[in-house]
Amino acid sequence: MSTSTAPTNRDLPNKYLVVLKRDADMENHLNWLQQRSKDGSSKCEVIVKFDSIKGYGAKLSGPVLDEIARHPDVMMSMLVGDSVVDD
């Protein structure tokens, strides 16, 4: 029997799973993401890449979150806990 508890803010420190569309170019997308962090208004730190689902786990904050949600390469993004995106 497993028990479930609601996540706390400590469990979800701005770590996101981002899944790209099948025809997206991962390296081009990651280069775009890196450019977003250069102005200092957003935090973008890729922690892990998932080739099997064409996606990545990252620490993200700031305006880049909305930009990712609207980006044509992105199928979905979601806030996840440390168990999915460990650093």
N, C-alpha and C. Protein backbone atom coordinates (compact mmCIF):
# COMPACT_ATOMS: atom_id res chain seq x y z
N MET A 1 0.85 -1.19 0.00
CA MET A 1 0.00 0.00 0.00
C MET A 1 0.88 1.24 0.00
N SER A 2 0.65 2.13 -0.91
CA SER A 2 1.45 3.35 -0.96
C SER A 2 0.62 4.53 -0.46
N THR A 3 1.32 5.47 0.11
CA THR A 3 0.64 6.68 0.56
C THR A 3 1.11 7.84 -0.28
N SER A 4 0.27 8.81 -0.41
CA SER A 4 0.59 9.98 -1.22
C SER A 4 0.43 11.22 -0.37
N THR A 5 1.36 12.13 -0.49
CA THR A 5 1.25 13.40 0.21
C THR A 5 1.37 14.52 -0.80
N ALA A 6 0.77 15.63 -0.50
CA ALA A 6 0.85 16.78 -1.39
C ALA A 6 2.27 17.34 -1.39
N PRO A 7 2.78 17.72 -2.54
CA PRO A 7 4.12 18.29 -2.59
C PRO A 7 4.18 19.64 -1.89
N THR A 8 5.32 19.94 -1.33
CA THR A 8 5.55 21.24 -0.72
C THR A 8 6.43 22.06 -1.63
N ASN A 9 6.54 23.34 -1.35
CA ASN A 9 7.42 24.20 -2.15
C ASN A 9 8.85 23.70 -2.12
N ARG A 10 9.27 23.09 -1.01
CA ARG A 10 10.62 22.56 -0.91
C ARG A 10 10.83 21.44 -1.92
N ASP A 11 9.79 20.67 -2.19
CA ASP A 11 9.88 19.55 -3.13
C ASP A 11 9.90 20.00 -4.59
N LEU A 12 9.45 21.20 -4.87
CA LEU A 12 9.30 21.67 -6.25
C LEU A 12 10.05 22.98 -6.46
N PRO A 13 11.37 22.95 -6.43
CA PRO A 13 12.14 24.20 -6.54
C PRO A 13 12.35 24.66 -7.98
N ASN A 14 11.29 25.04 -8.66
CA ASN A 14 11.39 25.56 -10.03
C ASN A 14 12.02 24.57 -11.00
N LYS A 15 11.80 23.30 -10.80
CA LYS A 15 12.32 22.28 -11.72
C LYS A 15 11.19 21.85 -12.65
N TYR A 16 11.49 21.87 -13.94
CA TYR A 16 10.49 21.60 -14.96
C TYR A 16 10.95 20.49 -15.89
N LEU A 17 9.98 19.74 -16.37
CA LEU A 17 10.20 18.79 -17.45
C LEU A 17 9.62 19.44 -18.70
N VAL A 18 10.43 19.53 -19.74
CA VAL A 18 9.99 20.13 -21.01
C VAL A 18 10.11 19.06 -22.08
N VAL A 19 9.00 18.81 -22.78
CA VAL A 19 8.98 17.81 -23.85
C VAL A 19 8.79 18.55 -25.17
N LEU A 20 9.69 18.26 -26.10
CA LEU A 20 9.63 18.91 -27.42
C LEU A 20 8.79 18.09 -28.40
N LYS A 21 8.32 18.75 -29.43
CA LYS A 21 7.59 18.07 -30.50
C LYS A 21 8.53 17.15 -31.26
N ARG A 22 7.97 16.16 -31.90
CA ARG A 22 8.74 15.14 -32.61
C ARG A 22 9.70 15.74 -33.64
N ASP A 23 9.26 16.78 -34.36
CA ASP A 23 10.10 17.35 -35.42
C ASP A 23 11.01 18.49 -34.94
N ALA A 24 11.02 18.78 -33.65
CA ALA A 24 11.86 19.86 -33.13
C ALA A 24 13.33 19.43 -33.08
N ASP A 25 14.21 20.39 -33.22
CA ASP A 25 15.64 20.15 -33.11
C ASP A 25 16.08 20.50 -31.69
N MET A 26 16.46 19.48 -30.92
CA MET A 26 16.80 19.67 -29.50
C MET A 26 17.95 20.66 -29.32
N GLU A 27 19.02 20.52 -30.09
CA GLU A 27 20.18 21.40 -29.91
C GLU A 27 19.84 22.85 -30.23
N ASN A 28 19.07 23.09 -31.29
CA ASN A 28 18.65 24.46 -31.60
C ASN A 28 17.79 25.03 -30.48
N HIS A 29 16.89 24.21 -29.95
CA HIS A 29 16.04 24.66 -28.86
C HIS A 29 16.87 25.00 -27.62
N LEU A 30 17.83 24.14 -27.28
CA LEU A 30 18.66 24.40 -26.10
C LEU A 30 19.55 25.63 -26.29
N ASN A 31 19.99 25.88 -27.51
CA ASN A 31 20.74 27.12 -27.79
C ASN A 31 19.85 28.34 -27.58
N TRP A 32 18.60 28.25 -28.04
CA TRP A 32 17.63 29.32 -27.82
C TRP A 32 17.43 29.55 -26.32
N LEU A 33 17.30 28.47 -25.57
CA LEU A 33 17.09 28.57 -24.12
C LEU A 33 18.29 29.24 -23.45
N GLN A 34 19.47 28.87 -23.85
CA GLN A 34 20.68 29.47 -23.28
C GLN A 34 20.71 30.98 -23.52
N GLN A 35 20.28 31.42 -24.67
CA GLN A 35 20.23 32.85 -24.97
C GLN A 35 19.26 33.59 -24.05
N ARG A 36 18.18 32.92 -23.63
CA ARG A 36 17.19 33.55 -22.76
C ARG A 36 17.78 33.92 -21.40
N SER A 37 18.77 33.17 -20.94
CA SER A 37 19.32 33.42 -19.60
C SER A 37 20.41 34.48 -19.60
N LYS A 38 20.88 34.88 -20.76
CA LYS A 38 22.00 35.82 -20.83
C LYS A 38 21.65 37.22 -20.34
N ASP A 39 20.38 37.63 -20.43
CA ASP A 39 20.03 38.98 -19.99
C ASP A 39 19.82 39.06 -18.48
N GLY A 40 19.81 37.92 -17.79
CA GLY A 40 19.70 37.91 -16.34
C GLY A 40 18.29 37.94 -15.79
N SER A 41 17.27 38.11 -16.63
CA SER A 41 15.90 38.17 -16.13
C SER A 41 15.29 36.79 -15.91
N SER A 42 15.90 35.76 -16.50
CA SER A 42 15.39 34.40 -16.37
C SER A 42 16.51 33.47 -15.93
N LYS A 43 16.12 32.43 -15.21
CA LYS A 43 17.07 31.38 -14.85
C LYS A 43 16.77 30.18 -15.74
N CYS A 44 17.81 29.67 -16.40
CA CYS A 44 17.67 28.53 -17.30
C CYS A 44 18.88 27.63 -17.10
N GLU A 45 18.69 26.55 -16.38
CA GLU A 45 19.79 25.61 -16.15
C GLU A 45 19.31 24.20 -16.50
N VAL A 46 19.77 23.69 -17.64
CA VAL A 46 19.40 22.33 -18.04
C VAL A 46 20.17 21.35 -17.16
N ILE A 47 19.44 20.43 -16.55
CA ILE A 47 20.04 19.47 -15.63
C ILE A 47 20.24 18.12 -16.29
N VAL A 48 19.26 17.72 -17.11
CA VAL A 48 19.33 16.41 -17.75
C VAL A 48 18.59 16.46 -19.08
N LYS A 49 19.09 15.71 -20.07
CA LYS A 49 18.41 15.57 -21.36
C LYS A 49 17.84 14.17 -21.44
N PHE A 50 16.65 14.05 -22.02
CA PHE A 50 15.99 12.76 -22.22
C PHE A 50 15.82 12.54 -23.72
N ASP A 51 16.70 11.76 -24.32
CA ASP A 51 16.60 11.50 -25.76
C ASP A 51 15.37 10.67 -26.10
N SER A 52 14.98 9.76 -25.21
CA SER A 52 13.86 8.87 -25.50
C SER A 52 12.54 9.61 -25.66
N ILE A 53 12.39 10.74 -24.98
CA ILE A 53 11.15 11.53 -25.11
C ILE A 53 11.41 12.89 -25.75
N LYS A 54 12.63 13.11 -26.23
CA LYS A 54 13.02 14.40 -26.82
C LYS A 54 12.62 15.53 -25.89
N GLY A 55 13.28 15.55 -24.75
CA GLY A 55 12.99 16.58 -23.78
C GLY A 55 14.14 16.77 -22.82
N TYR A 56 13.88 17.59 -21.81
CA TYR A 56 14.92 17.88 -20.83
C TYR A 56 14.30 18.31 -19.52
N GLY A 57 15.09 18.16 -18.47
CA GLY A 57 14.73 18.67 -17.16
C GLY A 57 15.59 19.88 -16.88
N ALA A 58 14.99 20.92 -16.30
CA ALA A 58 15.74 22.15 -16.08
C ALA A 58 15.20 22.92 -14.89
N LYS A 59 16.07 23.73 -14.32
CA LYS A 59 15.65 24.73 -13.34
C LYS A 59 15.33 25.98 -14.14
N LEU A 60 14.10 26.45 -14.02
CA LEU A 60 13.64 27.59 -14.82
C LEU A 60 12.89 28.57 -13.93
N SER A 61 13.08 29.84 -14.17
CA SER A 61 12.28 30.86 -13.50
C SER A 61 12.33 32.15 -14.32
N GLY A 62 11.37 33.00 -14.07
CA GLY A 62 11.31 34.28 -14.78
C GLY A 62 10.50 34.20 -16.06
N PRO A 63 10.66 35.20 -16.92
CA PRO A 63 9.88 35.29 -18.16
C PRO A 63 10.04 34.10 -19.10
N VAL A 64 11.14 33.37 -18.98
CA VAL A 64 11.36 32.23 -19.88
C VAL A 64 10.26 31.18 -19.74
N LEU A 65 9.61 31.10 -18.60
CA LEU A 65 8.54 30.11 -18.42
C LEU A 65 7.41 30.34 -19.42
N ASP A 66 6.99 31.59 -19.58
CA ASP A 66 5.94 31.90 -20.57
C ASP A 66 6.45 31.70 -21.99
N GLU A 67 7.72 32.05 -22.22
CA GLU A 67 8.29 31.88 -23.56
C GLU A 67 8.34 30.41 -23.96
N ILE A 68 8.69 29.55 -23.01
CA ILE A 68 8.72 28.11 -23.29
C ILE A 68 7.32 27.61 -23.62
N ALA A 69 6.34 28.04 -22.85
CA ALA A 69 4.96 27.59 -23.07
C ALA A 69 4.46 27.96 -24.47
N ARG A 70 4.93 29.07 -25.01
CA ARG A 70 4.49 29.54 -26.33
C ARG A 70 5.43 29.11 -27.46
N HIS A 71 6.57 28.54 -27.13
CA HIS A 71 7.57 28.22 -28.16
C HIS A 71 7.05 27.13 -29.09
N PRO A 72 7.22 27.28 -30.40
CA PRO A 72 6.69 26.30 -31.36
C PRO A 72 7.34 24.91 -31.26
N ASP A 73 8.52 24.80 -30.65
CA ASP A 73 9.17 23.49 -30.48
C ASP A 73 8.55 22.66 -29.36
N VAL A 74 7.87 23.33 -28.42
CA VAL A 74 7.47 22.68 -27.17
C VAL A 74 6.08 22.05 -27.28
N MET A 75 6.03 20.75 -26.95
CA MET A 75 4.75 20.05 -26.87
C MET A 75 4.11 20.31 -25.51
N MET A 76 4.93 20.24 -24.42
CA MET A 76 4.40 20.48 -23.08
C MET A 76 5.54 20.76 -22.11
N SER A 77 5.20 21.44 -21.03
CA SER A 77 6.14 21.65 -19.94
C SER A 77 5.36 21.54 -18.65
N MET A 78 6.02 21.01 -17.62
CA MET A 78 5.33 20.87 -16.34
C MET A 78 6.31 20.97 -15.19
N LEU A 79 5.82 21.51 -14.09
CA LEU A 79 6.59 21.58 -12.86
C LEU A 79 6.67 20.18 -12.30
N VAL A 80 7.88 19.75 -11.91
CA VAL A 80 8.08 18.40 -11.38
C VAL A 80 8.89 18.45 -10.10
N GLY A 81 8.90 17.33 -9.38
CA GLY A 81 9.67 17.24 -8.15
C GLY A 81 11.10 16.80 -8.39
N ASP A 82 11.86 16.77 -7.32
CA ASP A 82 13.27 16.40 -7.40
C ASP A 82 13.48 14.98 -7.90
N SER A 83 12.52 14.10 -7.73
CA SER A 83 12.72 12.71 -8.14
C SER A 83 12.83 12.58 -9.66
N VAL A 84 12.28 13.51 -10.40
CA VAL A 84 12.33 13.46 -11.87
C VAL A 84 13.54 14.20 -12.41
N VAL A 85 13.84 15.34 -11.83
CA VAL A 85 14.93 16.19 -12.31
C VAL A 85 15.89 16.42 -11.16
N ASP A 86 16.84 15.51 -10.99
CA ASP A 86 17.83 15.64 -9.93
C ASP A 86 19.02 16.43 -10.43
N ASP A 87 19.59 17.24 -9.53
CA ASP A 87 20.83 17.93 -9.89
C ASP A 87 21.95 17.50 -8.99
